[in-house]
Amino acid sequence: MKCTHPIYRVIDFEIVRPYTLRIRFDDGTEQVIDFYPVLAGALFGPLRDEKLFRQVEIDPEVHTLVWPNGADFDPQTLHDWPKYADEMKRMAERWTADAGQWGGRSRP
C-alpha cells in the first residue's frame, strides 16, 4: 500500500513574538503560529515558561520542531496549522480542565 499523504519537513523557523514562530517548510510554504493557546497539559504546559519555549530546535532526523522537555509537533500539523488549530485548542482546554493547572491564568 502506497502512502498518499505528503510528508513535510521543517527547514527553518524564527521567533517573531513570545510563543509565536514563523516556520518554513521544504515545499516553500510557511506558517506563523501562536502556540500559547495550545500550551497545556503535562507535555506542552511547561512551554509556557518562555525561557523553555525559546529553546526550540529542529530535529535533524524527523525535521520538526522539538523542545528539551520532549515536546514536539508533527510537521504535517504545523504545515496545515489552520486546519488543526481549533482542535488543538480544544485539546488544550480539556488538558487544562482535567489537570486543574493553568486554569484562569492569563497570558503573560
PDB file of N, CA and C in Angstrom:
ATOM      1  N   MET A   1       0.839  -1.170   0.000  1.00  0.00           N
ATOM      2  CA  MET A   1       0.000   0.000   0.000  1.00  0.00           C
ATOM      3  C   MET A   1       0.893   1.245   0.000  1.00  0.00           C
ATOM      4  N   LYS A   2       0.631   2.120  -0.918  1.00  0.00           N
ATOM      5  CA  LYS A   2       1.444   3.322  -1.066  1.00  0.00           C
ATOM      6  C   LYS A   2       0.896   4.462  -0.206  1.00  0.00           C
ATOM      7  N   CYS A   3       1.794   5.159   0.467  1.00  0.00           N
ATOM      8  CA  CYS A   3       1.432   6.316   1.274  1.00  0.00           C
ATOM      9  C   CYS A   3       1.084   7.474   0.324  1.00  0.00           C
ATOM     10  N   THR A   4      -0.094   8.065   0.508  1.00  0.00           N
ATOM     11  CA  THR A   4      -0.522   9.110  -0.416  1.00  0.00           C
ATOM     12  C   THR A   4      -0.496  10.512   0.180  1.00  0.00           C
ATOM     13  N   HIS A   5      -0.287  10.644   1.485  1.00  0.00           N
ATOM     14  CA  HIS A   5      -0.250  11.993   2.043  1.00  0.00           C
ATOM     15  C   HIS A   5       1.177  12.543   1.977  1.00  0.00           C
ATOM     16  N   PRO A   6       1.295  13.840   1.723  1.00  0.00           N
ATOM     17  CA  PRO A   6       2.631  14.433   1.611  1.00  0.00           C
ATOM     18  C   PRO A   6       3.358  14.436   2.952  1.00  0.00           C
ATOM     19  N   ILE A   7       4.650  14.353   2.872  1.00  0.00           N
ATOM     20  CA  ILE A   7       5.491  14.433   4.065  1.00  0.00           C
ATOM     21  C   ILE A   7       6.229  15.763   4.006  1.00  0.00           C
ATOM     22  N   TYR A   8       6.030  16.580   5.047  1.00  0.00           N
ATOM     23  CA  TYR A   8       6.642  17.895   5.096  1.00  0.00           C
ATOM     24  C   TYR A   8       7.809  17.886   6.064  1.00  0.00           C
ATOM     25  N   ARG A   9       8.751  18.751   5.801  1.00  0.00           N
ATOM     26  CA  ARG A   9       9.907  18.912   6.677  1.00  0.00           C
ATOM     27  C   ARG A   9      10.050  20.379   7.035  1.00  0.00           C
ATOM     28  N   VAL A  10      10.277  20.631   8.311  1.00  0.00           N
ATOM     29  CA  VAL A  10      10.582  21.987   8.756  1.00  0.00           C
ATOM     30  C   VAL A  10      12.039  22.249   8.399  1.00  0.00           C
ATOM     31  N   ILE A  11      12.290  23.342   7.688  1.00  0.00           N
ATOM     32  CA  ILE A  11      13.667  23.653   7.298  1.00  0.00           C
ATOM     33  C   ILE A  11      14.221  24.875   8.023  1.00  0.00           C
ATOM     34  N   ASP A  12      13.339  25.703   8.596  1.00  0.00           N
ATOM     35  CA  ASP A  12      13.808  26.897   9.297  1.00  0.00           C
ATOM     36  C   ASP A  12      12.666  27.447  10.133  1.00  0.00           C
ATOM     37  N   PHE A  13      13.006  28.246  11.116  1.00  0.00           N
ATOM     38  CA  PHE A  13      11.997  28.934  11.920  1.00  0.00           C
ATOM     39  C   PHE A  13      12.637  30.174  12.508  1.00  0.00           C
ATOM     40  N   GLU A  14      11.784  31.088  12.933  1.00  0.00           N
ATOM     41  CA  GLU A  14      12.255  32.232  13.700  1.00  0.00           C
ATOM     42  C   GLU A  14      11.194  32.589  14.724  1.00  0.00           C
ATOM     43  N   ILE A  15      11.645  33.077  15.858  1.00  0.00           N
ATOM     44  CA  ILE A  15      10.735  33.536  16.895  1.00  0.00           C
ATOM     45  C   ILE A  15      10.359  34.971  16.536  1.00  0.00           C
ATOM     46  N   VAL A  16       9.066  35.204  16.298  1.00  0.00           N
ATOM     47  CA  VAL A  16       8.625  36.535  15.882  1.00  0.00           C
ATOM     48  C   VAL A  16       7.989  37.327  17.021  1.00  0.00           C
ATOM     49  N   ARG A  17       7.466  36.643  18.020  1.00  0.00           N
ATOM     50  CA  ARG A  17       6.899  37.234  19.237  1.00  0.00           C
ATOM     51  C   ARG A  17       6.965  36.148  20.299  1.00  0.00           C
ATOM     52  N   PRO A  18       6.722  36.506  21.541  1.00  0.00           N
ATOM     53  CA  PRO A  18       6.667  35.448  22.560  1.00  0.00           C
ATOM     54  C   PRO A  18       5.661  34.369  22.159  1.00  0.00           C
ATOM     55  N   TYR A  19       6.107  33.137  22.194  1.00  0.00           N
ATOM     56  CA  TYR A  19       5.305  31.949  21.898  1.00  0.00           C
ATOM     57  C   TYR A  19       4.857  31.851  20.431  1.00  0.00           C
ATOM     58  N   THR A  20       5.369  32.705  19.575  1.00  0.00           N
ATOM     59  CA  THR A  20       4.959  32.720  18.172  1.00  0.00           C
ATOM     60  C   THR A  20       6.163  32.498  17.270  1.00  0.00           C
ATOM     61  N   LEU A  21       6.025  31.522  16.376  1.00  0.00           N
ATOM     62  CA  LEU A  21       7.106  31.168  15.464  1.00  0.00           C
ATOM     63  C   LEU A  21       6.654  31.307  14.013  1.00  0.00           C
ATOM     64  N   ARG A  22       7.555  31.747  13.175  1.00  0.00           N
ATOM     65  CA  ARG A  22       7.379  31.660  11.715  1.00  0.00           C
ATOM     66  C   ARG A  22       8.151  30.417  11.303  1.00  0.00           C
ATOM     67  N   ILE A  23       7.450  29.472  10.704  1.00  0.00           N
ATOM     68  CA  ILE A  23       8.030  28.175  10.371  1.00  0.00           C
ATOM     69  C   ILE A  23       8.044  28.031   8.858  1.00  0.00           C
ATOM     70  N   ARG A  24       9.200  27.632   8.319  1.00  0.00           N
ATOM     71  CA  ARG A  24       9.342  27.428   6.875  1.00  0.00           C
ATOM     72  C   ARG A  24       9.485  25.930   6.590  1.00  0.00           C
ATOM     73  N   PHE A  25       8.847  25.528   5.491  1.00  0.00           N
ATOM     74  CA  PHE A  25       8.810  24.116   5.121  1.00  0.00           C
ATOM     75  C   PHE A  25       9.520  23.879   3.802  1.00  0.00           C
ATOM     76  N   ASP A  26       9.853  22.621   3.565  1.00  0.00           N
ATOM     77  CA  ASP A  26      10.615  22.256   2.375  1.00  0.00           C
ATOM     78  C   ASP A  26       9.852  22.433   1.069  1.00  0.00           C
ATOM     79  N   ASP A  27       8.556  22.678   1.135  1.00  0.00           N
ATOM     80  CA  ASP A  27       7.792  22.923  -0.093  1.00  0.00           C
ATOM     81  C   ASP A  27       7.666  24.415  -0.400  1.00  0.00           C
ATOM     82  N   GLY A  28       8.405  25.251   0.355  1.00  0.00           N
ATOM     83  CA  GLY A  28       8.413  26.688   0.117  1.00  0.00           C
ATOM     84  C   GLY A  28       7.335  27.460   0.856  1.00  0.00           C
ATOM     85  N   THR A  29       6.478  26.779   1.601  1.00  0.00           N
ATOM     86  CA  THR A  29       5.429  27.465   2.345  1.00  0.00           C
ATOM     87  C   THR A  29       5.917  27.806   3.747  1.00  0.00           C
ATOM     88  N   GLU A  30       5.143  28.639   4.423  1.00  0.00           N
ATOM     89  CA  GLU A  30       5.441  28.954   5.815  1.00  0.00           C
ATOM     90  C   GLU A  30       4.143  29.190   6.565  1.00  0.00           C
ATOM     91  N   GLN A  31       4.227  29.040   7.868  1.00  0.00           N
ATOM     92  CA  GLN A  31       3.127  29.321   8.782  1.00  0.00           C
ATOM     93  C   GLN A  31       3.664  30.185   9.914  1.00  0.00           C
ATOM     94  N   VAL A  32       2.856  31.121  10.366  1.00  0.00           N
ATOM     95  CA  VAL A  32       3.145  31.862  11.588  1.00  0.00           C
ATOM     96  C   VAL A  32       2.147  31.347  12.614  1.00  0.00           C
ATOM     97  N   ILE A  33       2.670  30.747  13.678  1.00  0.00           N
ATOM     98  CA  ILE A  33       1.814  30.075  14.659  1.00  0.00           C
ATOM     99  C   ILE A  33       2.051  30.656  16.044  1.00  0.00           C
ATOM    100  N   ASP A  34       0.960  31.078  16.675  1.00  0.00           N
ATOM    101  CA  ASP A  34       0.968  31.469  18.085  1.00  0.00           C
ATOM    102  C   ASP A  34       0.628  30.202  18.865  1.00  0.00           C
ATOM    103  N   PHE A  35       1.617  29.631  19.527  1.00  0.00           N
ATOM    104  CA  PHE A  35       1.423  28.371  20.229  1.00  0.00           C
ATOM    105  C   PHE A  35       0.770  28.537  21.600  1.00  0.00           C
ATOM    106  N   TYR A  36       0.730  29.753  22.124  1.00  0.00           N
ATOM    107  CA  TYR A  36       0.279  29.945  23.503  1.00  0.00           C
ATOM    108  C   TYR A  36      -1.064  29.262  23.807  1.00  0.00           C
ATOM    109  N   PRO A  37      -2.072  29.368  22.928  1.00  0.00           N
ATOM    110  CA  PRO A  37      -3.361  28.744  23.256  1.00  0.00           C
ATOM    111  C   PRO A  37      -3.325  27.220  23.378  1.00  0.00           C
ATOM    112  N   VAL A  38      -2.289  26.571  22.893  1.00  0.00           N
ATOM    113  CA  VAL A  38      -2.236  25.108  22.967  1.00  0.00           C
ATOM    114  C   VAL A  38      -1.215  24.608  23.990  1.00  0.00           C
ATOM    115  N   LEU A  39      -0.608  25.517  24.722  1.00  0.00           N
ATOM    116  CA  LEU A  39       0.405  25.117  25.699  1.00  0.00           C
ATOM    117  C   LEU A  39      -0.261  24.768  27.021  1.00  0.00           C
ATOM    118  N   ALA A  40      -0.674  23.511  27.125  1.00  0.00           N
ATOM    119  CA  ALA A  40      -1.331  22.999  28.326  1.00  0.00           C
ATOM    120  C   ALA A  40      -0.981  21.527  28.456  1.00  0.00           C
ATOM    121  N   GLY A  41      -1.284  20.980  29.601  1.00  0.00           N
ATOM    122  CA  GLY A  41      -1.041  19.559  29.825  1.00  0.00           C
ATOM    123  C   GLY A  41       0.389  19.286  30.249  1.00  0.00           C
ATOM    124  N   ALA A  42       0.648  18.023  30.513  1.00  0.00           N
ATOM    125  CA  ALA A  42       1.953  17.618  31.042  1.00  0.00           C
ATOM    126  C   ALA A  42       3.102  17.879  30.079  1.00  0.00           C
ATOM    127  N   LEU A  43       2.884  17.711  28.788  1.00  0.00           N
ATOM    128  CA  LEU A  43       3.964  17.864  27.822  1.00  0.00           C
ATOM    129  C   LEU A  43       4.124  19.301  27.331  1.00  0.00           C
ATOM    130  N   PHE A  44       3.019  19.946  26.966  1.00  0.00           N
ATOM    131  CA  PHE A  44       3.101  21.279  26.382  1.00  0.00           C
ATOM    132  C   PHE A  44       2.985  22.396  27.417  1.00  0.00           C
ATOM    133  N   GLY A  45       2.366  22.141  28.555  1.00  0.00           N
ATOM    134  CA  GLY A  45       2.212  23.154  29.604  1.00  0.00           C
ATOM    135  C   GLY A  45       3.528  23.778  30.056  1.00  0.00           C
ATOM    136  N   PRO A  46       4.588  22.986  30.243  1.00  0.00           N
ATOM    137  CA  PRO A  46       5.858  23.578  30.660  1.00  0.00           C
ATOM    138  C   PRO A  46       6.419  24.603  29.673  1.00  0.00           C
ATOM    139  N   LEU A  47       5.978  24.545  28.414  1.00  0.00           N
ATOM    140  CA  LEU A  47       6.471  25.501  27.411  1.00  0.00           C
ATOM    141  C   LEU A  47       5.914  26.901  27.637  1.00  0.00           C
ATOM    142  N   ARG A  48       5.005  27.070  28.591  1.00  0.00           N
ATOM    143  CA  ARG A  48       4.556  28.419  28.958  1.00  0.00           C
ATOM    144  C   ARG A  48       5.672  29.182  29.658  1.00  0.00           C
ATOM    145  N   ASP A  49       6.686  28.472  30.094  1.00  0.00           N
ATOM    146  CA  ASP A  49       7.910  29.121  30.575  1.00  0.00           C
ATOM    147  C   ASP A  49       8.630  29.597  29.316  1.00  0.00           C
ATOM    148  N   GLU A  50       8.632  30.904  29.113  1.00  0.00           N
ATOM    149  CA  GLU A  50       9.165  31.432  27.853  1.00  0.00           C
ATOM    150  C   GLU A  50      10.625  31.046  27.628  1.00  0.00           C
ATOM    151  N   LYS A  51      11.382  30.937  28.700  1.00  0.00           N
ATOM    152  CA  LYS A  51      12.786  30.527  28.551  1.00  0.00           C
ATOM    153  C   LYS A  51      12.874  29.130  27.934  1.00  0.00           C
ATOM    154  N   LEU A  52      12.022  28.222  28.377  1.00  0.00           N
ATOM    155  CA  LEU A  52      11.993  26.871  27.809  1.00  0.00           C
ATOM    156  C   LEU A  52      11.457  26.912  26.378  1.00  0.00           C
ATOM    157  N   PHE A  53      10.397  27.675  26.145  1.00  0.00           N
ATOM    158  CA  PHE A  53       9.829  27.747  24.796  1.00  0.00           C
ATOM    159  C   PHE A  53      10.873  28.197  23.784  1.00  0.00           C
ATOM    160  N   ARG A  54      11.696  29.155  24.175  1.00  0.00           N
ATOM    161  CA  ARG A  54      12.699  29.713  23.260  1.00  0.00           C
ATOM    162  C   ARG A  54      13.843  28.734  22.960  1.00  0.00           C
ATOM    163  N   GLN A  55      13.878  27.601  23.612  1.00  0.00           N
ATOM    164  CA  GLN A  55      14.907  26.594  23.358  1.00  0.00           C
ATOM    165  C   GLN A  55      14.516  25.641  22.221  1.00  0.00           C
ATOM    166  N   VAL A  56      13.507  26.013  21.469  1.00  0.00           N
ATOM    167  CA  VAL A  56      13.040  25.196  20.354  1.00  0.00           C
ATOM    168  C   VAL A  56      14.159  24.990  19.331  1.00  0.00           C
ATOM    169  N   GLU A  57      14.185  23.807  18.744  1.00  0.00           N
ATOM    170  CA  GLU A  57      15.167  23.458  17.715  1.00  0.00           C
ATOM    171  C   GLU A  57      14.477  22.619  16.644  1.00  0.00           C
ATOM    172  N   ILE A  58      15.166  22.418  15.541  1.00  0.00           N
ATOM    173  CA  ILE A  58      14.693  21.497  14.514  1.00  0.00           C
ATOM    174  C   ILE A  58      15.408  20.172  14.709  1.00  0.00           C
ATOM    175  N   ASP A  59      14.637  19.106  14.874  1.00  0.00           N
ATOM    176  CA  ASP A  59      15.234  17.781  14.993  1.00  0.00           C
ATOM    177  C   ASP A  59      15.801  17.387  13.637  1.00  0.00           C
ATOM    178  N   PRO A  60      17.091  17.032  13.565  1.00  0.00           N
ATOM    179  CA  PRO A  60      17.716  16.734  12.281  1.00  0.00           C
ATOM    180  C   PRO A  60      17.232  15.440  11.621  1.00  0.00           C
ATOM    181  N   GLU A  61      16.626  14.550  12.396  1.00  0.00           N
ATOM    182  CA  GLU A  61      16.156  13.287  11.821  1.00  0.00           C
ATOM    183  C   GLU A  61      14.726  13.366  11.317  1.00  0.00           C
ATOM    184  N   VAL A  62      13.829  13.938  12.122  1.00  0.00           N
ATOM    185  CA  VAL A  62      12.416  13.960  11.735  1.00  0.00           C
ATOM    186  C   VAL A  62      11.983  15.315  11.175  1.00  0.00           C
ATOM    187  N   HIS A  63      12.872  16.298  11.216  1.00  0.00           N
ATOM    188  CA  HIS A  63      12.641  17.606  10.598  1.00  0.00           C
ATOM    189  C   HIS A  63      11.370  18.279  11.098  1.00  0.00           C
ATOM    190  N   THR A  64      11.241  18.327  12.413  1.00  0.00           N
ATOM    191  CA  THR A  64      10.155  19.056  13.039  1.00  0.00           C
ATOM    192  C   THR A  64      10.689  19.820  14.230  1.00  0.00           C
ATOM    193  N   LEU A  65       9.834  20.639  14.829  1.00  0.00           N
ATOM    194  CA  LEU A  65      10.241  21.414  15.993  1.00  0.00           C
ATOM    195  C   LEU A  65      10.214  20.536  17.227  1.00  0.00           C
ATOM    196  N   VAL A  66      11.247  20.661  18.045  1.00  0.00           N
ATOM    197  CA  VAL A  66      11.339  19.900  19.292  1.00  0.00           C
ATOM    198  C   VAL A  66      11.849  20.823  20.396  1.00  0.00           C
ATOM    199  N   TRP A  67      11.492  20.468  21.631  1.00  0.00           N
ATOM    200  CA  TRP A  67      11.936  21.214  22.801  1.00  0.00           C
ATOM    201  C   TRP A  67      12.666  20.261  23.737  1.00  0.00           C
ATOM    202  N   PRO A  68      13.509  20.793  24.618  1.00  0.00           N
ATOM    203  CA  PRO A  68      14.305  19.941  25.512  1.00  0.00           C
ATOM    204  C   PRO A  68      13.475  19.023  26.415  1.00  0.00           C
ATOM    205  N   ASN A  69      12.228  19.381  26.705  1.00  0.00           N
ATOM    206  CA  ASN A  69      11.407  18.535  27.580  1.00  0.00           C
ATOM    207  C   ASN A  69      10.738  17.382  26.824  1.00  0.00           C
ATOM    208  N   GLY A  70      11.010  17.244  25.512  1.00  0.00           N
ATOM    209  CA  GLY A  70      10.439  16.160  24.724  1.00  0.00           C
ATOM    210  C   GLY A  70       9.206  16.559  23.925  1.00  0.00           C
ATOM    211  N   ALA A  71       8.725  17.775  24.098  1.00  0.00           N
ATOM    212  CA  ALA A  71       7.566  18.230  23.333  1.00  0.00           C
ATOM    213  C   ALA A  71       7.942  18.383  21.864  1.00  0.00           C
ATOM    214  N   ASP A  72       7.003  18.033  20.996  1.00  0.00           N
ATOM    215  CA  ASP A  72       7.186  18.238  19.566  1.00  0.00           C
ATOM    216  C   ASP A  72       5.823  18.257  18.901  1.00  0.00           C
ATOM    217  N   PHE A  73       5.793  18.671  17.661  1.00  0.00           N
ATOM    218  CA  PHE A  73       4.571  18.687  16.865  1.00  0.00           C
ATOM    219  C   PHE A  73       4.858  17.978  15.554  1.00  0.00           C
ATOM    220  N   ASP A  74       3.883  17.229  15.072  1.00  0.00           N
ATOM    221  CA  ASP A  74       4.004  16.577  13.780  1.00  0.00           C
ATOM    222  C   ASP A  74       4.193  17.645  12.704  1.00  0.00           C
ATOM    223  N   PRO A  75       5.149  17.485  11.793  1.00  0.00           N
ATOM    224  CA  PRO A  75       5.367  18.519  10.780  1.00  0.00           C
ATOM    225  C   PRO A  75       4.147  18.768   9.892  1.00  0.00           C
ATOM    226  N   GLN A  76       3.331  17.749   9.649  1.00  0.00           N
ATOM    227  CA  GLN A  76       2.123  17.976   8.850  1.00  0.00           C
ATOM    228  C   GLN A  76       1.130  18.849   9.613  1.00  0.00           C
ATOM    229  N   THR A  77       1.027  18.653  10.914  1.00  0.00           N
ATOM    230  CA  THR A  77       0.155  19.500  11.726  1.00  0.00           C
ATOM    231  C   THR A  77       0.623  20.950  11.660  1.00  0.00           C
ATOM    232  N   LEU A  78       1.927  21.163  11.772  1.00  0.00           N
ATOM    233  CA  LEU A  78       2.463  22.528  11.673  1.00  0.00           C
ATOM    234  C   LEU A  78       2.204  23.112  10.289  1.00  0.00           C
ATOM    235  N   HIS A  79       2.448  22.322   9.256  1.00  0.00           N
ATOM    236  CA  HIS A  79       2.276  22.782   7.879  1.00  0.00           C
ATOM    237  C   HIS A  79       0.827  23.205   7.608  1.00  0.00           C
ATOM    238  N   ASP A  80      -0.106  22.422   8.125  1.00  0.00           N
ATOM    239  CA  ASP A  80      -1.528  22.669   7.883  1.00  0.00           C
ATOM    240  C   ASP A  80      -2.217  23.231   9.134  1.00  0.00           C
ATOM    241  N   TRP A  81      -1.507  24.041   9.896  1.00  0.00           N
ATOM    242  CA  TRP A  81      -1.984  24.535  11.192  1.00  0.00           C
ATOM    243  C   TRP A  81      -3.410  25.080  11.164  1.00  0.00           C
ATOM    244  N   PRO A  82      -3.803  25.894  10.193  1.00  0.00           N
ATOM    245  CA  PRO A  82      -5.182  26.407  10.224  1.00  0.00           C
ATOM    246  C   PRO A  82      -6.230  25.288  10.256  1.00  0.00           C
ATOM    247  N   LYS A  83      -5.922  24.179   9.672  1.00  0.00           N
ATOM    248  CA  LYS A  83      -6.831  23.026   9.647  1.00  0.00           C
ATOM    249  C   LYS A  83      -6.929  22.378  11.031  1.00  0.00           C
ATOM    250  N   TYR A  84      -5.849  22.422  11.815  1.00  0.00           N
ATOM    251  CA  TYR A  84      -5.792  21.727  13.098  1.00  0.00           C
ATOM    252  C   TYR A  84      -5.895  22.645  14.322  1.00  0.00           C
ATOM    253  N   ALA A  85      -5.777  23.943  14.145  1.00  0.00           N
ATOM    254  CA  ALA A  85      -5.661  24.879  15.272  1.00  0.00           C
ATOM    255  C   ALA A  85      -6.832  24.791  16.244  1.00  0.00           C
ATOM    256  N   ASP A  86      -8.051  24.774  15.739  1.00  0.00           N
ATOM    257  CA  ASP A  86      -9.205  24.740  16.639  1.00  0.00           C
ATOM    258  C   ASP A  86      -9.230  23.463  17.474  1.00  0.00           C
ATOM    259  N   GLU A  87      -8.941  22.332  16.848  1.00  0.00           N
ATOM    260  CA  GLU A  87      -8.928  21.075  17.599  1.00  0.00           C
ATOM    261  C   GLU A  87      -7.784  21.056  18.619  1.00  0.00           C
ATOM    262  N   MET A  88      -6.650  21.604  18.255  1.00  0.00           N
ATOM    263  CA  MET A  88      -5.528  21.677  19.199  1.00  0.00           C
ATOM    264  C   MET A  88      -5.913  22.537  20.416  1.00  0.00           C
ATOM    265  N   LYS A  89      -6.596  23.637  20.180  1.00  0.00           N
ATOM    266  CA  LYS A  89      -7.047  24.500  21.286  1.00  0.00           C
ATOM    267  C   LYS A  89      -8.052  23.762  22.160  1.00  0.00           C
ATOM    268  N   ARG A  90      -8.976  23.021  21.548  1.00  0.00           N
ATOM    269  CA  ARG A  90      -9.951  22.249  22.335  1.00  0.00           C
ATOM    270  C   ARG A  90      -9.241  21.196  23.188  1.00  0.00           C
ATOM    271  N   MET A  91      -8.240  20.533  22.630  1.00  0.00           N
ATOM    272  CA  MET A  91      -7.492  19.543  23.407  1.00  0.00           C
ATOM    273  C   MET A  91      -6.798  20.214  24.584  1.00  0.00           C
ATOM    274  N   ALA A  92      -6.197  21.377  24.335  1.00  0.00           N
ATOM    275  CA  ALA A  92      -5.507  22.099  25.413  1.00  0.00           C
ATOM    276  C   ALA A  92      -6.489  22.505  26.510  1.00  0.00           C
ATOM    277  N   GLU A  93      -7.684  22.919  26.128  1.00  0.00           N
ATOM    278  CA  GLU A  93      -8.696  23.273  27.124  1.00  0.00           C
ATOM    279  C   GLU A  93      -9.092  22.061  27.960  1.00  0.00           C
ATOM    280  N   ARG A  94      -9.187  20.895  27.321  1.00  0.00           N
ATOM    281  CA  ARG A  94      -9.503  19.674  28.071  1.00  0.00           C
ATOM    282  C   ARG A  94      -8.370  19.326  29.030  1.00  0.00           C
ATOM    283  N   TRP A  95      -7.129  19.443  28.553  1.00  0.00           N
ATOM    284  CA  TRP A  95      -5.992  19.147  29.425  1.00  0.00           C
ATOM    285  C   TRP A  95      -5.980  20.093  30.615  1.00  0.00           C
ATOM    286  N   THR A  96      -6.294  21.350  30.378  1.00  0.00           N
ATOM    287  CA  THR A  96      -6.323  22.347  31.450  1.00  0.00           C
ATOM    288  C   THR A  96      -7.408  21.998  32.454  1.00  0.00           C
ATOM    289  N   ALA A  97      -8.590  21.670  31.951  1.00  0.00           N
ATOM    290  CA  ALA A  97      -9.700  21.331  32.841  1.00  0.00           C
ATOM    291  C   ALA A  97      -9.398  20.059  33.623  1.00  0.00           C
ATOM    292  N   ASP A  98      -8.822  19.061  32.951  1.00  0.00           N
ATOM    293  CA  ASP A  98      -8.504  17.797  33.608  1.00  0.00           C
ATOM    294  C   ASP A  98      -7.435  17.962  34.680  1.00  0.00           C
ATOM    295  N   ALA A  99      -6.433  18.762  34.389  1.00  0.00           N
ATOM    296  CA  ALA A  99      -5.310  18.904  35.307  1.00  0.00           C
ATOM    297  C   ALA A  99      -5.557  19.958  36.380  1.00  0.00           C
ATOM    298  N   GLY A 100      -6.446  20.898  36.082  1.00  0.00           N
ATOM    299  CA  GLY A 100      -6.674  21.973  37.040  1.00  0.00           C
ATOM    300  C   GLY A 100      -5.511  22.941  37.109  1.00  0.00           C
ATOM    301  N   GLN A 101      -4.543  22.778  36.221  1.00  0.00           N
ATOM    302  CA  GLN A 101      -3.398  23.673  36.200  1.00  0.00           C
ATOM    303  C   GLN A 101      -3.561  24.675  35.071  1.00  0.00           C
ATOM    304  N   TRP A 102      -2.989  25.815  35.209  1.00  0.00           N
ATOM    305  CA  TRP A 102      -3.035  26.900  34.238  1.00  0.00           C
ATOM    306  C   TRP A 102      -4.425  27.498  34.111  1.00  0.00           C
ATOM    307  N   GLY A 103      -5.406  26.920  34.803  1.00  0.00           N
ATOM    308  CA  GLY A 103      -6.761  27.436  34.706  1.00  0.00           C
ATOM    309  C   GLY A 103      -6.847  28.857  35.208  1.00  0.00           C
ATOM    310  N   GLY A 104      -7.522  29.697  34.438  1.00  0.00           N
ATOM    311  CA  GLY A 104      -7.727  31.072  34.820  1.00  0.00           C
ATOM    312  C   GLY A 104      -6.495  31.937  34.728  1.00  0.00           C
ATOM    313  N   ARG A 105      -5.424  31.375  34.266  1.00  0.00           N
ATOM    314  CA  ARG A 105      -4.183  32.120  34.194  1.00  0.00           C
ATOM    315  C   ARG A 105      -4.109  32.864  32.860  1.00  0.00           C
ATOM    316  N   SER A 106      -3.889  34.133  32.930  1.00  0.00           N
ATOM    317  CA  SER A 106      -3.848  34.911  31.695  1.00  0.00           C
ATOM    318  C   SER A 106      -2.466  34.866  31.074  1.00  0.00           C
ATOM    319  N   ARG A 107      -2.433  35.232  29.829  1.00  0.00           N
ATOM    320  CA  ARG A 107      -1.176  35.242  29.093  1.00  0.00           C
ATOM    321  C   ARG A 107      -0.255  36.315  29.665  1.00  0.00           C
ATOM    322  N   PRO A 108       1.023  35.980  29.821  1.00  0.00           N
ATOM    323  CA  PRO A 108       1.965  36.978  30.339  1.00  0.00           C
ATOM    324  C   PRO A 108       2.154  38.133  29.378  1.00  0.00           C
TER     325      PRO A 108
END
